C-alpha atoms as a PDB file:
ATOM      1  CA  MET A   1     -16.924  12.933   4.827  1.00  0.00           C
ATOM      2  CA  ILE A   2     -13.784  14.144   3.048  1.00  0.00           C
ATOM      3  CA  ILE A   3     -12.203  11.656   0.643  1.00  0.00           C
ATOM      4  CA  ARG A   4      -8.653  11.877  -0.684  1.00  0.00           C
ATOM      5  CA  LEU A   5      -7.608   9.738  -3.634  1.00  0.00           C
ATOM      6  CA  GLY A   6      -4.121   8.373  -4.208  1.00  0.00           C
ATOM      7  CA  TYR A   7      -2.172   6.078  -6.507  1.00  0.00           C
ATOM      8  CA  ALA A   8       0.655   3.572  -6.228  1.00  0.00           C
ATOM      9  CA  CYS A   9       4.353   3.716  -7.053  1.00  0.00           C
ATOM     10  CA  ILE A  10       4.568   4.687 -10.738  1.00  0.00           C
ATOM     11  CA  SER A  11       3.329   7.813 -12.486  1.00  0.00           C
ATOM     12  CA  GLU A  12       2.090   7.144 -16.008  1.00  0.00           C
ATOM     13  CA  THR A  13       2.487  10.856 -16.735  1.00  0.00           C
ATOM     14  CA  LEU A  14       6.179  11.181 -15.894  1.00  0.00           C
ATOM     15  CA  HIS A  15       7.755   9.262 -18.749  1.00  0.00           C
ATOM     16  CA  GLY A  16      11.233   7.941 -17.997  1.00  0.00           C
ATOM     17  CA  VAL A  17      10.874   8.664 -14.289  1.00  0.00           C
ATOM     18  CA  THR A  18      10.820   5.670 -11.937  1.00  0.00           C
ATOM     19  CA  SER A  19      11.825   4.940  -8.365  1.00  0.00           C
ATOM     20  CA  SER A  20      11.759   1.208  -9.185  1.00  0.00           C
ATOM     21  CA  SER A  21      14.885   0.673 -11.295  1.00  0.00           C
ATOM     22  CA  SER A  22      16.419  -2.675 -10.395  1.00  0.00           C
ATOM     23  CA  TYR A  23      19.753  -4.419 -10.079  1.00  0.00           C
ATOM     24  CA  THR A  24      19.083  -8.124  -9.838  1.00  0.00           C
ATOM     25  CA  TYR A  25      20.679 -10.394  -7.280  1.00  0.00           C
ATOM     26  CA  THR A  26      21.931 -12.686 -10.065  1.00  0.00           C
ATOM     27  CA  ASN A  27      23.706  -9.807 -11.806  1.00  0.00           C
ATOM     28  CA  TYR A  28      25.107  -8.484  -8.552  1.00  0.00           C
ATOM     29  CA  ILE A  29      26.582 -11.874  -7.616  1.00  0.00           C
ATOM     30  CA  LYS A  30      28.059 -12.174 -11.115  1.00  0.00           C
ATOM     31  CA  GLU A  31      29.453  -8.640 -11.282  1.00  0.00           C
ATOM     32  CA  GLN A  32      29.995  -7.698  -7.606  1.00  0.00           C
ATOM     33  CA  ASN A  33      29.529  -4.114  -8.750  1.00  0.00           C
ATOM     34  CA  ASN A  34      28.761  -1.853  -5.803  1.00  0.00           C
ATOM     35  CA  ASN A  35      29.173   1.232  -7.984  1.00  0.00           C
ATOM     36  CA  LYS A  36      26.363   0.064 -10.250  1.00  0.00           C
ATOM     37  CA  LEU A  37      24.156  -0.650  -7.242  1.00  0.00           C
ATOM     38  CA  ASP A  38      24.946   2.805  -5.897  1.00  0.00           C
ATOM     39  CA  LYS A  39      23.992   4.460  -9.198  1.00  0.00           C
ATOM     40  CA  VAL A  40      20.677   2.576  -9.315  1.00  0.00           C
ATOM     41  CA  ILE A  41      19.824   3.632  -5.756  1.00  0.00           C
ATOM     42  CA  GLN A  42      20.717   7.269  -6.410  1.00  0.00           C
ATOM     43  CA  SER A  43      18.642   7.231  -9.603  1.00  0.00           C
ATOM     44  CA  ASN A  44      15.652   5.807  -7.737  1.00  0.00           C
ATOM     45  CA  LEU A  45      15.896   8.424  -5.009  1.00  0.00           C
ATOM     46  CA  VAL A  46      16.306  11.309  -7.475  1.00  0.00           C
ATOM     47  CA  ASP A  47      13.240  10.073  -9.372  1.00  0.00           C
ATOM     48  CA  LEU A  48      11.270   9.537  -6.169  1.00  0.00           C
ATOM     49  CA  GLU A  49      11.783  13.219  -5.395  1.00  0.00           C
ATOM     50  CA  LYS A  50      10.507  14.089  -8.900  1.00  0.00           C
ATOM     51  CA  ILE A  51       7.397  11.976  -8.248  1.00  0.00           C
ATOM     52  CA  ILE A  52       6.842  13.702  -4.904  1.00  0.00           C
ATOM     53  CA  ASP A  53       7.194  17.086  -6.650  1.00  0.00           C
ATOM     54  CA  TYR A  54       4.663  15.966  -9.268  1.00  0.00           C
ATOM     55  CA  ASN A  55       2.254  14.835  -6.546  1.00  0.00           C
ATOM     56  CA  ILE A  56       2.555  18.158  -4.752  1.00  0.00           C
ATOM     57  CA  ALA A  57       2.018  20.136  -7.962  1.00  0.00           C
ATOM     58  CA  ASN A  58      -1.165  18.151  -8.631  1.00  0.00           C
ATOM     59  CA  ASN A  59      -2.474  18.152  -5.041  1.00  0.00           C
ATOM     60  CA  ILE A  60      -2.090  14.387  -4.672  1.00  0.00           C
ATOM     61  CA  HIS A  61      -2.048  13.868  -0.905  1.00  0.00           C
ATOM     62  CA  PHE A  62      -1.848  10.077  -0.773  1.00  0.00           C
ATOM     63  CA  TYR A  63       0.879   7.963  -2.372  1.00  0.00           C
ATOM     64  CA  ARG A  64       2.213   4.424  -2.066  1.00  0.00           C
ATOM     65  CA  LEU A  65       5.985   4.236  -2.207  1.00  0.00           C
ATOM     66  CA  SER A  66       7.649   1.611  -4.364  1.00  0.00           C
ATOM     67  CA  SER A  67       9.234  -1.279  -2.476  1.00  0.00           C
ATOM     68  CA  LYS A  68      12.052  -1.310  -5.045  1.00  0.00           C
ATOM     69  CA  ILE A  69      13.677   1.974  -4.068  1.00  0.00           C
ATOM     70  CA  ILE A  70      16.708   0.217  -2.572  1.00  0.00           C
ATOM     71  CA  PRO A  71      17.470  -2.978  -4.535  1.00  0.00           C
ATOM     72  CA  LEU A  72      18.953  -5.957  -2.652  1.00  0.00           C
ATOM     73  CA  ALA A  73      18.485  -4.295   0.748  1.00  0.00           C
ATOM     74  CA  THR A  74      17.105  -7.521   2.278  1.00  0.00           C
ATOM     75  CA  LYS A  75      19.732  -9.901   0.865  1.00  0.00           C
ATOM     76  CA  GLU A  76      21.864 -11.247   3.699  1.00  0.00           C
ATOM     77  CA  ASP A  77      25.032 -11.543   1.605  1.00  0.00           C
ATOM     78  CA  VAL A  78      24.726  -8.082   0.014  1.00  0.00           C
ATOM     79  CA  VAL A  79      26.076  -5.759   2.677  1.00  0.00           C
ATOM     80  CA  PHE A  80      25.940  -2.012   2.112  1.00  0.00           C
ATOM     81  CA  ASP A  81      24.844   1.126   3.913  1.00  0.00           C
ATOM     82  CA  TYR A  82      21.543   2.422   2.571  1.00  0.00           C
ATOM     83  CA  LYS A  83      20.722   4.569   5.598  1.00  0.00           C
ATOM     84  CA  SER A  84      23.386   7.196   6.284  1.00  0.00           C
ATOM     85  CA  LYS A  85      24.948   7.053   2.801  1.00  0.00           C
ATOM     86  CA  TYR A  86      21.811   8.457   1.158  1.00  0.00           C
ATOM     87  CA  SER A  87      20.735  10.709   4.014  1.00  0.00           C
ATOM     88  CA  LYS A  88      20.812  13.886   1.872  1.00  0.00           C
ATOM     89  CA  TYR A  89      18.228  12.353  -0.476  1.00  0.00           C
ATOM     90  CA  TYR A  90      16.010  11.168   2.376  1.00  0.00           C
ATOM     91  CA  HIS A  91      16.213  14.560   4.060  1.00  0.00           C
ATOM     92  CA  SER A  92      15.246  16.469   0.925  1.00  0.00           C
ATOM     93  CA  ILE A  93      12.336  14.135   0.127  1.00  0.00           C
ATOM     94  CA  SER A  94      11.091  14.025   3.711  1.00  0.00           C
ATOM     95  CA  LYS A  95      10.970  17.831   3.932  1.00  0.00           C
ATOM     96  CA  LYS A  96       8.650  17.941   0.922  1.00  0.00           C
ATOM     97  CA  ILE A  97       6.429  15.124   2.189  1.00  0.00           C
ATOM     98  CA  LYS A  98       6.133  16.784   5.583  1.00  0.00           C
ATOM     99  CA  ALA A  99       5.501  20.284   4.224  1.00  0.00           C
ATOM    100  CA  SER A 100       2.749  19.029   1.918  1.00  0.00           C
ATOM    101  CA  HIS A 101       1.164  16.778   4.584  1.00  0.00           C
ATOM    102  CA  MET A 102       1.278  13.907   2.099  1.00  0.00           C
ATOM    103  CA  ARG A 103       0.341  10.467   3.388  1.00  0.00           C
ATOM    104  CA  VAL A 104       2.772   7.822   2.168  1.00  0.00           C
ATOM    105  CA  ASP A 105       2.999   4.134   2.965  1.00  0.00           C
ATOM    106  CA  PHE A 106       4.247   0.760   1.717  1.00  0.00           C
ATOM    107  CA  HIS A 107       2.636  -2.484   0.610  1.00  0.00           C
ATOM    108  CA  PRO A 108       5.376  -5.180   0.738  1.00  0.00           C
ATOM    109  CA  ASP A 109       5.034  -7.756  -2.042  1.00  0.00           C
ATOM    110  CA  GLN A 110       3.896 -11.390  -2.062  1.00  0.00           C
ATOM    111  CA  PHE A 111       7.249 -12.614  -0.730  1.00  0.00           C
ATOM    112  CA  CYS A 112       6.469 -11.103   2.671  1.00  0.00           C
ATOM    113  CA  VAL A 113       4.532 -13.970   4.295  1.00  0.00           C
ATOM    114  CA  LEU A 114       4.567 -13.557   8.045  1.00  0.00           C
ATOM    115  CA  ASN A 115       2.575 -16.737   8.720  1.00  0.00           C
ATOM    116  CA  SER A 116       4.527 -19.086   6.458  1.00  0.00           C
ATOM    117  CA  VAL A 117       5.192 -22.637   7.717  1.00  0.00           C
ATOM    118  CA  ASN A 118       8.741 -22.212   6.416  1.00  0.00           C
ATOM    119  CA  GLN A 119      10.863 -20.496   9.054  1.00  0.00           C
ATOM    120  CA  GLU A 120      13.307 -19.237   6.449  1.00  0.00           C
ATOM    121  CA  VAL A 121      10.432 -17.449   4.700  1.00  0.00           C
ATOM    122  CA  VAL A 122       9.333 -15.956   8.035  1.00  0.00           C
ATOM    123  CA  LYS A 123      12.895 -14.790   8.696  1.00  0.00           C
ATOM    124  CA  ASN A 124      13.098 -13.189   5.243  1.00  0.00           C
ATOM    125  CA  SER A 125       9.676 -11.606   5.745  1.00  0.00           C
ATOM    126  CA  ILE A 126      10.863  -9.940   8.936  1.00  0.00           C
ATOM    127  CA  GLU A 127      13.875  -8.550   7.052  1.00  0.00           C
ATOM    128  CA  ILE A 128      11.511  -7.198   4.395  1.00  0.00           C
ATOM    129  CA  LEU A 129       9.445  -5.498   7.103  1.00  0.00           C
ATOM    130  CA  LYS A 130      12.576  -4.020   8.695  1.00  0.00           C
ATOM    131  CA  TYR A 131      13.713  -2.627   5.335  1.00  0.00           C
ATOM    132  CA  HIS A 132      10.379  -0.923   4.660  1.00  0.00           C
ATOM    133  CA  TYR A 133      10.221   0.401   8.208  1.00  0.00           C
ATOM    134  CA  ASN A 134      13.765   1.775   7.904  1.00  0.00           C
ATOM    135  CA  LEU A 135      12.875   3.675   4.743  1.00  0.00           C
ATOM    136  CA  LEU A 136       9.830   5.232   6.388  1.00  0.00           C
ATOM    137  CA  ASN A 137      12.054   6.120   9.323  1.00  0.00           C
ATOM    138  CA  MET A 138      14.664   7.702   7.032  1.00  0.00           C
ATOM    139  CA  LEU A 139      11.853   9.731   5.458  1.00  0.00           C
ATOM    140  CA  GLN A 140      10.710  10.775   8.958  1.00  0.00           C
ATOM    141  CA  ILE A 141       7.185   9.449   8.463  1.00  0.00           C
ATOM    142  CA  LYS A 142       5.429   9.666  11.826  1.00  0.00           C
ATOM    143  CA  ASN A 143       2.576   7.195  11.313  1.00  0.00           C
ATOM    144  CA  LYS A 144       4.299   4.302   9.571  1.00  0.00           C
ATOM    145  CA  VAL A 145       2.038   1.893   7.649  1.00  0.00           C
ATOM    146  CA  LEU A 146       3.078  -1.422   6.108  1.00  0.00           C
ATOM    147  CA  VAL A 147       0.108  -3.147   4.489  1.00  0.00           C
ATOM    148  CA  LEU A 148       0.202  -6.958   4.556  1.00  0.00           C
ATOM    149  CA  HIS A 149      -2.017  -9.792   3.473  1.00  0.00           C
ATOM    150  CA  ILE A 150      -2.532 -12.472   6.117  1.00  0.00           C
ATOM    151  CA  GLY A 151      -0.595 -14.811   3.838  1.00  0.00           C
ATOM    152  CA  SER A 152      -0.307 -18.584   3.751  1.00  0.00           C
ATOM    153  CA  SER A 153      -3.317 -20.866   4.240  1.00  0.00           C
ATOM    154  CA  THR A 154      -1.281 -24.061   4.694  1.00  0.00           C
ATOM    155  CA  PHE A 155      -2.984 -26.504   7.121  1.00  0.00           C
ATOM    156  CA  GLY A 156      -6.202 -24.517   6.966  1.00  0.00           C
ATOM    157  CA  LYS A 157      -7.436 -21.071   7.866  1.00  0.00           C
ATOM    158  CA  LYS A 158      -7.618 -21.580  11.641  1.00  0.00           C
ATOM    159  CA  ASN A 159      -4.012 -22.788  11.915  1.00  0.00           C
ATOM    160  CA  SER A 160      -2.852 -20.054   9.540  1.00  0.00           C
ATOM    161  CA  LEU A 161      -4.456 -17.315  11.625  1.00  0.00           C
ATOM    162  CA  THR A 162      -2.838 -18.781  14.748  1.00  0.00           C
ATOM    163  CA  ARG A 163       0.578 -18.760  13.042  1.00  0.00           C
ATOM    164  CA  PHE A 164       0.051 -15.118  12.084  1.00  0.00           C
ATOM    165  CA  ILE A 165      -0.804 -14.224  15.703  1.00  0.00           C
ATOM    166  CA  ASN A 166       2.200 -16.110  17.100  1.00  0.00           C
ATOM    167  CA  ASN A 167       4.688 -14.659  14.603  1.00  0.00           C
ATOM    168  CA  TYR A 168       3.257 -11.157  14.967  1.00  0.00           C
ATOM    169  CA  ASN A 169       3.666 -11.354  18.742  1.00  0.00           C
ATOM    170  CA  ASP A 170       7.357 -12.214  18.282  1.00  0.00           C
ATOM    171  CA  LEU A 171       8.034  -9.043  16.279  1.00  0.00           C
ATOM    172  CA  PRO A 172       9.764  -5.961  17.704  1.00  0.00           C
ATOM    173  CA  SER A 173       7.252  -3.401  18.951  1.00  0.00           C
ATOM    174  CA  ASN A 174       8.090  -0.864  16.223  1.00  0.00           C
ATOM    175  CA  LEU A 175       7.170  -3.356  13.482  1.00  0.00           C
ATOM    176  CA  LYS A 176       3.986  -4.384  15.290  1.00  0.00           C
ATOM    177  CA  LYS A 177       2.823  -0.772  15.382  1.00  0.00           C
ATOM    178  CA  SER A 178       3.381  -0.329  11.648  1.00  0.00           C
ATOM    179  CA  ILE A 179       1.556  -3.425  10.348  1.00  0.00           C
ATOM    180  CA  VAL A 180      -1.888  -3.107   8.776  1.00  0.00           C
ATOM    181  CA  ILE A 181      -3.776  -6.059   7.274  1.00  0.00           C
ATOM    182  CA  GLU A 182      -5.806  -6.275   4.085  1.00  0.00           C
ATOM    183  CA  ASN A 183      -8.367  -8.837   2.943  1.00  0.00           C
ATOM    184  CA  ASP A 184      -7.340 -10.885  -0.107  1.00  0.00           C
ATOM    185  CA  ASP A 185      -9.238 -12.115  -3.143  1.00  0.00           C
ATOM    186  CA  LYS A 186      -9.051 -15.879  -2.545  1.00  0.00           C
ATOM    187  CA  VAL A 187      -8.661 -17.045   1.065  1.00  0.00           C
ATOM    188  CA  PHE A 188      -8.685 -14.531   3.918  1.00  0.00           C
ATOM    189  CA  ASN A 189     -11.763 -12.337   3.836  1.00  0.00           C
ATOM    190  CA  ILE A 190     -12.690  -9.207   5.761  1.00  0.00           C
ATOM    191  CA  LYS A 191     -14.039 -11.251   8.699  1.00  0.00           C
ATOM    192  CA  ASP A 192     -10.611 -12.881   9.105  1.00  0.00           C
ATOM    193  CA  CYS A 193      -8.980  -9.446   9.171  1.00  0.00           C
ATOM    194  CA  LEU A 194     -11.442  -8.226  11.791  1.00  0.00           C
ATOM    195  CA  TYR A 195     -10.724 -11.349  13.844  1.00  0.00           C
ATOM    196  CA  LEU A 196      -7.016 -10.432  13.872  1.00  0.00           C
ATOM    197  CA  ASN A 197      -7.936  -6.885  14.813  1.00  0.00           C
ATOM    198  CA  GLU A 198      -9.856  -8.227  17.819  1.00  0.00           C
ATOM    199  CA  LYS A 199      -6.876 -10.359  18.861  1.00  0.00           C
ATOM    200  CA  LEU A 200      -4.022  -7.963  18.073  1.00  0.00           C
ATOM    201  CA  GLY A 201      -5.454  -4.486  17.540  1.00  0.00           C
ATOM    202  CA  ILE A 202      -4.139  -4.317  13.957  1.00  0.00           C
ATOM    203  CA  PRO A 203      -5.870  -1.754  11.711  1.00  0.00           C
ATOM    204  CA  VAL A 204      -7.740  -3.199   8.726  1.00  0.00           C
ATOM    205  CA  VAL A 205      -7.627  -2.000   5.121  1.00  0.00           C
ATOM    206  CA  LEU A 206     -10.734  -2.829   3.135  1.00  0.00           C
ATOM    207  CA  ASP A 207      -9.903  -3.833  -0.429  1.00  0.00           C
ATOM    208  CA  TYR A 208     -13.307  -3.526  -2.061  1.00  0.00           C
ATOM    209  CA  HIS A 209     -12.354  -5.441  -5.223  1.00  0.00           C
ATOM    210  CA  HIS A 210     -11.033  -8.306  -3.095  1.00  0.00           C
ATOM    211  CA  TYR A 211     -14.229  -8.194  -1.070  1.00  0.00           C
ATOM    212  CA  ILE A 212     -16.318  -8.661  -4.223  1.00  0.00           C
ATOM    213  CA  CYS A 213     -14.163 -11.681  -5.142  1.00  0.00           C
ATOM    214  CA  ASN A 214     -14.068 -13.225  -1.658  1.00  0.00           C
ATOM    215  CA  HIS A 215     -16.793 -12.693   0.941  1.00  0.00           C
ATOM    216  CA  GLU A 216     -19.127 -14.559   3.256  1.00  0.00           C
ATOM    217  CA  ALA A 217     -21.856 -11.926   3.410  1.00  0.00           C
ATOM    218  CA  PHE A 218     -22.337  -9.928   0.225  1.00  0.00           C
ATOM    219  CA  ASP A 219     -23.389  -6.793   2.097  1.00  0.00           C
ATOM    220  CA  ILE A 220     -20.105  -5.015   2.922  1.00  0.00           C
ATOM    221  CA  ASP A 221     -22.122  -2.469   4.899  1.00  0.00           C
ATOM    222  CA  LEU A 222     -22.281  -5.081   7.681  1.00  0.00           C
ATOM    223  CA  TYR A 223     -18.555  -4.542   8.290  1.00  0.00           C
ATOM    224  CA  ILE A 224     -17.790  -0.939   7.319  1.00  0.00           C
ATOM    225  CA  GLU A 225     -18.238   0.640  10.744  1.00  0.00           C
ATOM    226  CA  LYS A 226     -16.096  -2.042  12.421  1.00  0.00           C
ATOM    227  CA  ILE A 227     -13.369  -1.597   9.787  1.00  0.00           C
ATOM    228  CA  PHE A 228     -13.267   2.176  10.225  1.00  0.00           C
ATOM    229  CA  LYS A 229     -13.041   1.837  14.011  1.00  0.00           C
ATOM    230  CA  THR A 230      -9.854  -0.250  13.716  1.00  0.00           C
ATOM    231  CA  TRP A 231      -7.998   2.963  12.801  1.00  0.00           C
ATOM    232  CA  LYS A 232      -6.932   5.004  15.823  1.00  0.00           C
ATOM    233  CA  TYR A 233      -4.213   7.438  14.714  1.00  0.00           C
ATOM    234  CA  GLN A 234      -5.034   8.354  11.121  1.00  0.00           C
ATOM    235  CA  ASN A 235      -7.816   8.202   8.566  1.00  0.00           C
ATOM    236  CA  PRO A 236      -9.002   4.740   7.535  1.00  0.00           C
ATOM    237  CA  LYS A 237      -7.506   3.546   4.267  1.00  0.00           C
ATOM    238  CA  ILE A 238      -9.367   1.751   1.469  1.00  0.00           C
ATOM    239  CA  HIS A 239      -8.075   0.071  -1.675  1.00  0.00           C
ATOM    240  CA  PHE A 240     -10.299   0.392  -4.728  1.00  0.00           C
ATOM    241  CA  SER A 241      -9.945  -1.210  -8.155  1.00  0.00           C
ATOM    242  CA  SER A 242     -12.230  -2.532 -10.859  1.00  0.00           C
ATOM    243  CA  PRO A 243     -12.043  -6.002 -12.408  1.00  0.00           C
ATOM    244  CA  LYS A 244     -10.458  -6.423 -15.834  1.00  0.00           C
ATOM    245  CA  ASN A 245     -13.809  -7.879 -16.877  1.00  0.00           C
ATOM    246  CA  LYS A 246     -16.692  -9.724 -15.246  1.00  0.00           C
ATOM    247  CA  THR A 247     -15.723 -13.244 -16.384  1.00  0.00           C
ATOM    248  CA  LYS A 248     -14.538 -15.684 -13.730  1.00  0.00           C
ATOM    249  CA  LYS A 249     -11.090 -15.860 -15.341  1.00  0.00           C
ATOM    250  CA  ASP A 250     -10.412 -12.109 -15.188  1.00  0.00           C
ATOM    251  CA  MET A 251     -12.529 -11.100 -12.206  1.00  0.00           C
ATOM    252  CA  ARG A 252      -9.498 -10.875  -9.898  1.00  0.00           C
ATOM    253  CA  SER A 253      -7.299  -8.927 -12.353  1.00  0.00           C
ATOM    254  CA  HIS A 254      -7.159  -5.137 -12.111  1.00  0.00           C
ATOM    255  CA  HIS A 255      -8.545  -3.020 -14.919  1.00  0.00           C
ATOM    256  CA  ASP A 256      -6.507  -0.190 -16.427  1.00  0.00           C
ATOM    257  CA  TYR A 257      -9.097   2.272 -15.117  1.00  0.00           C
ATOM    258  CA  ILE A 258     -11.852   2.558 -12.511  1.00  0.00           C
ATOM    259  CA  ASP A 259     -15.531   1.885 -13.184  1.00  0.00           C
ATOM    260  CA  SER A 260     -16.857   5.243 -12.001  1.00  0.00           C
ATOM    261  CA  ASN A 261     -20.411   3.959 -11.560  1.00  0.00           C
ATOM    262  CA  GLN A 262     -19.202   1.223  -9.230  1.00  0.00           C
ATOM    263  CA  PHE A 263     -17.077   3.763  -7.349  1.00  0.00           C
ATOM    264  CA  ILE A 264     -20.011   6.155  -6.938  1.00  0.00           C
ATOM    265  CA  GLU A 265     -22.222   3.308  -5.710  1.00  0.00           C
ATOM    266  CA  PHE A 266     -19.593   2.476  -3.089  1.00  0.00           C
ATOM    267  CA  ILE A 267     -19.252   6.100  -1.948  1.00  0.00           C
ATOM    268  CA  GLU A 268     -23.019   6.504  -1.690  1.00  0.00           C
ATOM    269  CA  MET A 269     -23.139   3.411   0.519  1.00  0.00           C
ATOM    270  CA  ILE A 270     -20.436   4.538   2.960  1.00  0.00           C
ATOM    271  CA  LYS A 271     -20.990   8.310   3.078  1.00  0.00           C
ATOM    272  CA  LYS A 272     -23.304   8.030   6.076  1.00  0.00           C
ATOM    273  CA  TYR A 273     -20.318   7.292   8.327  1.00  0.00           C
ATOM    274  CA  PRO A 274     -18.806  10.398   9.975  1.00  0.00           C
ATOM    275  CA  VAL A 275     -15.187   9.723   9.064  1.00  0.00           C
ATOM    276  CA  ASP A 276     -12.691  11.069   6.519  1.00  0.00           C
ATOM    277  CA  LEU A 277     -11.092   8.487   4.223  1.00  0.00           C
ATOM    278  CA  ASP A 278      -8.041   7.957   2.042  1.00  0.00           C
ATOM    279  CA  ILE A 279      -8.707   5.722  -0.967  1.00  0.00           C
ATOM    280  CA  MET A 280      -5.844   4.138  -2.896  1.00  0.00           C
ATOM    281  CA  ILE A 281      -6.704   3.720  -6.572  1.00  0.00           C
ATOM    282  CA  GLU A 282      -5.209   0.389  -7.633  1.00  0.00           C
ATOM    283  CA  ALA A 283      -5.601   0.603 -11.397  1.00  0.00           C
ATOM    284  CA  LYS A 284      -2.931  -0.297 -13.926  1.00  0.00           C
ATOM    285  CA  LYS A 285      -2.932   3.220 -15.367  1.00  0.00           C
ATOM    286  CA  LYS A 286      -2.007   4.648 -11.956  1.00  0.00           C
ATOM    287  CA  ASP A 287      -2.361   8.459 -11.806  1.00  0.00           C
ATOM    288  CA  GLU A 288      -3.988   8.541 -15.255  1.00  0.00           C
ATOM    289  CA  ALA A 289      -6.757   6.321 -13.859  1.00  0.00           C
ATOM    290  CA  LEU A 290      -7.060   8.564 -10.800  1.00  0.00           C
ATOM    291  CA  PHE A 291      -7.572  11.714 -12.874  1.00  0.00           C
ATOM    292  CA  ARG A 292      -9.944  10.003 -15.320  1.00  0.00           C
ATOM    293  CA  LEU A 293     -12.062   8.927 -12.351  1.00  0.00           C
ATOM    294  CA  ILE A 294     -12.088  12.486 -11.023  1.00  0.00           C
ATOM    295  CA  ARG A 295     -13.252  13.867 -14.378  1.00  0.00           C
ATOM    296  CA  GLU A 296     -16.113  11.365 -14.425  1.00  0.00           C
ATOM    297  CA  LEU A 297     -17.062  12.135 -10.818  1.00  0.00           C
ATOM    298  CA  LYS A 298     -17.286  15.839 -11.643  1.00  0.00           C
ATOM    299  CA  TYR A 299     -19.598  15.018 -14.534  1.00  0.00           C
ATOM    300  CA  LYS A 300     -21.767  12.405 -12.815  1.00  0.00           C
ATOM    301  CA  THR A 301     -22.073  13.715  -9.240  1.00  0.00           C
ATOM    302  CA  ASN A 302     -22.479  16.878  -7.221  1.00  0.00           C
ATOM    303  CA  TYR A 303     -19.572  16.052  -4.914  1.00  0.00           C
ATOM    304  CA  GLN A 304     -17.872  19.179  -3.620  1.00  0.00           C
ATOM    305  CA  PHE A 305     -14.275  19.135  -4.869  1.00  0.00           C
ATOM    306  CA  ILE A 306     -11.732  20.675  -2.508  1.00  0.00           C
ATOM    307  CA  ASP A 307      -8.814  20.368  -4.953  1.00  0.00           C
ATOM    308  CA  GLU A 308      -7.668  18.124  -7.798  1.00  0.00           C
ATOM    309  CA  THR A 309      -7.877  14.856  -5.836  1.00  0.00           C
ATOM    310  CA  SER A 310     -10.034  15.540  -2.768  1.00  0.00           C
ATOM    311  CA  PHE A 311     -13.770  15.958  -2.420  1.00  0.00           C
ATOM    312  CA  LYS A 312     -16.517  16.191   0.170  1.00  0.00           C
ATOM    313  CA  VAL A 313     -19.726  14.126   0.207  1.00  0.00           C
END
């Protein structure tokens, strides 16, 4: 089993570099300043390329793109061209991603609720999905992945799962192929995700922290093989974080860093499966947390490191 570790959106090492600079809808409506919006977008794309360069230099092969690269892209009354206008940036970034074989994806935020009972929310969610898909397309990403939670639990879990199935089936085929579902920490557990996989063929991301917070059977090993088999075209993806602390109040919050002992225990449990994995480190200290974890793994284990962020068990 070869494991590659990645991080999400922001590098804690690159001070002053961010692909998430914003221009709020309120300010845009007040100012109607397309030049300011343009400058923010260009800044985000320039900094995204710096982050990709940093990832390549440090052999980081797995990275979650920020959803904020193009502010206001999903607002119906903010009309601008974010595809062809910035093609030179997309082309330059995509060449580097492709040459380095870096896996990149998106995780749309909590406003993307495909199974909402509010049709306006569903409509907006579809626009959010289209925006993320378009960016992956501009970056020429072959295997496009948009990670979603199942979403709303209004009127109970059974009805909510049915709404997800119905709304998913109404999506264009390109969006269907890109959607991946993740278990959450309160309502929809890994069994619910596997149920949707059975019905729709959607790949399933295991979030181990969420599993600890929300499960029916404590033994995750009951589900691991089924989860891995939901992935057909690329390595299975796992999200890993550690709780802020073990109290009920903070159990769901992410820690700045990763508990390396917990991580090792997880790896030892799953290493019997003959599959390579990509694990997204979801810690508040981002790449700093990733590299701290690696230092501890080198000290505590005999894992065979392939490069700075990949190892064999």
